Protein backbone atom coordinates (compact mmCIF):
# COMPACT_ATOMS: atom_id res chain seq x y z
CA MET A 1 6.58 -12.06 9.22
CA GLY A 2 9.25 -9.82 11.87
CA ALA A 3 7.92 -7.16 14.50
CA GLU A 4 7.40 -4.83 12.06
CA THR A 5 4.18 -6.02 10.41
CA VAL A 6 1.74 -4.31 9.89
CA ASN A 7 -1.22 -7.21 8.56
CA LYS A 8 -4.97 -6.38 9.86
CA GLY A 9 -5.70 -9.25 6.78
CA PRO A 10 -7.86 -9.79 4.37
CA GLY A 11 -10.72 -8.13 3.98
CA LEU A 12 -12.69 -5.04 1.53
CA TYR A 13 -11.08 -1.55 1.61
CA LYS A 14 -12.16 0.94 0.21
CA HIS A 15 -8.89 3.86 -1.34
CA TYR A 16 -9.53 7.32 -0.48
CA LYS A 17 -9.72 7.89 -3.61
CA GLY A 18 -12.74 6.13 -4.64
CA GLY A 19 -12.99 2.52 -5.83
CA LEU A 20 -13.37 -1.23 -3.63
CA TYR A 21 -9.99 -3.32 -3.55
CA ARG A 22 -10.56 -6.90 -1.77
CA VAL A 23 -6.73 -8.15 0.04
CA ILE A 24 -6.50 -11.34 -0.78
CA ALA A 25 -2.48 -11.68 1.48
CA HIS A 26 0.43 -10.11 2.99
CA ALA A 27 3.58 -11.67 1.39
CA ILE A 28 6.94 -10.88 1.61
CA GLU A 29 9.21 -9.04 -1.37
CA SER A 30 12.20 -11.15 -2.60
CA THR A 31 13.10 -10.24 -5.86
CA ASN A 32 15.81 -8.87 -6.86
CA GLY A 33 17.89 -9.12 -3.31
CA ARG A 34 15.22 -6.38 -1.86
CA ASP A 35 14.99 -6.38 1.55
CA GLY A 36 12.07 -8.99 2.20
CA GLN A 37 9.72 -6.11 3.14
CA GLU A 38 6.41 -7.12 3.62
CA VAL A 39 3.85 -6.03 0.60
CA VAL A 40 -0.42 -6.72 0.56
CA VAL A 41 -2.11 -8.33 -2.42
CA TYR A 42 -4.96 -7.02 -3.41
CA ILE A 43 -6.93 -6.90 -6.20
CA SER A 44 -9.49 -3.95 -8.06
CA LEU A 45 -12.83 -5.17 -7.96
CA GLU A 46 -13.83 -2.41 -10.82
CA LYS A 47 -10.21 -3.37 -12.91
CA GLY A 48 -9.79 -7.21 -11.95
CA LEU A 49 -6.21 -6.18 -11.68
CA TRP A 50 -3.83 -7.60 -9.40
CA TYR A 51 -1.33 -4.83 -6.95
CA THR A 52 0.48 -5.49 -4.70
CA ARG A 53 1.70 -2.22 -1.83
CA ASN A 54 4.10 -1.93 1.07
CA ALA A 55 3.00 -2.86 3.67
CA ILE A 56 3.05 0.28 5.88
CA GLU A 57 1.65 1.99 2.94
CA PHE A 58 -0.66 0.58 2.09
CA TYR A 59 -2.09 1.07 5.98
CA SER A 60 -0.44 4.87 6.45
CA THR A 61 -3.04 7.99 6.66
CA VAL A 62 -2.46 10.85 3.70
CA ALA A 63 -2.65 14.33 4.37
CA LEU A 64 -5.99 15.86 2.48
CA GLU A 65 -6.36 19.40 2.31
CA CYS A 66 -9.49 20.68 2.44
CA GLY A 67 -12.01 24.01 2.98
CA PHE A 68 -13.57 26.45 1.32
CA PRO A 69 -12.83 28.70 -1.68
CA LEU A 70 -12.76 31.92 0.31
CA GLY A 71 -12.30 30.55 3.26
CA PRO A 72 -9.44 28.96 5.42
CA THR A 73 -8.14 25.55 5.10
CA TYR A 74 -7.14 22.41 7.13
CA VAL A 75 -5.25 19.30 6.88
CA ARG A 76 -7.38 16.26 7.93
CA GLU A 77 -5.28 12.79 7.96
CA THR A 78 -7.49 10.16 6.13
CA PRO A 79 -6.30 6.07 5.26
CA ARG A 80 -5.17 5.46 2.51
CA PHE A 81 -7.27 2.42 2.40
CA GLU A 82 -10.14 2.07 4.72
CA ARG A 83 -11.36 -0.99 5.30
CA VAL A 84 -15.55 -1.75 5.07
CA GLY A 85 -16.08 -4.91 5.11
CA ASP A 86 -14.86 -9.06 5.49
């Protein structure tokens, strides 16, 4: 894995919309002539389904619009997946 690696390692993660996922490993995408990007291999603990996602996206933040119905709104950055255990 290259210098751009964002590896944070296997563990238990919570998605910002809910749901728990176990990161199994990091791998290199190599199908259909793609450029060998690092991906995260993870499994949904609720559904038992396996997924892969670009590592940079997996560890990125998302902007959530917050506020009250009649008050000001603001944007809060939160991790897409937050590590919650090993």
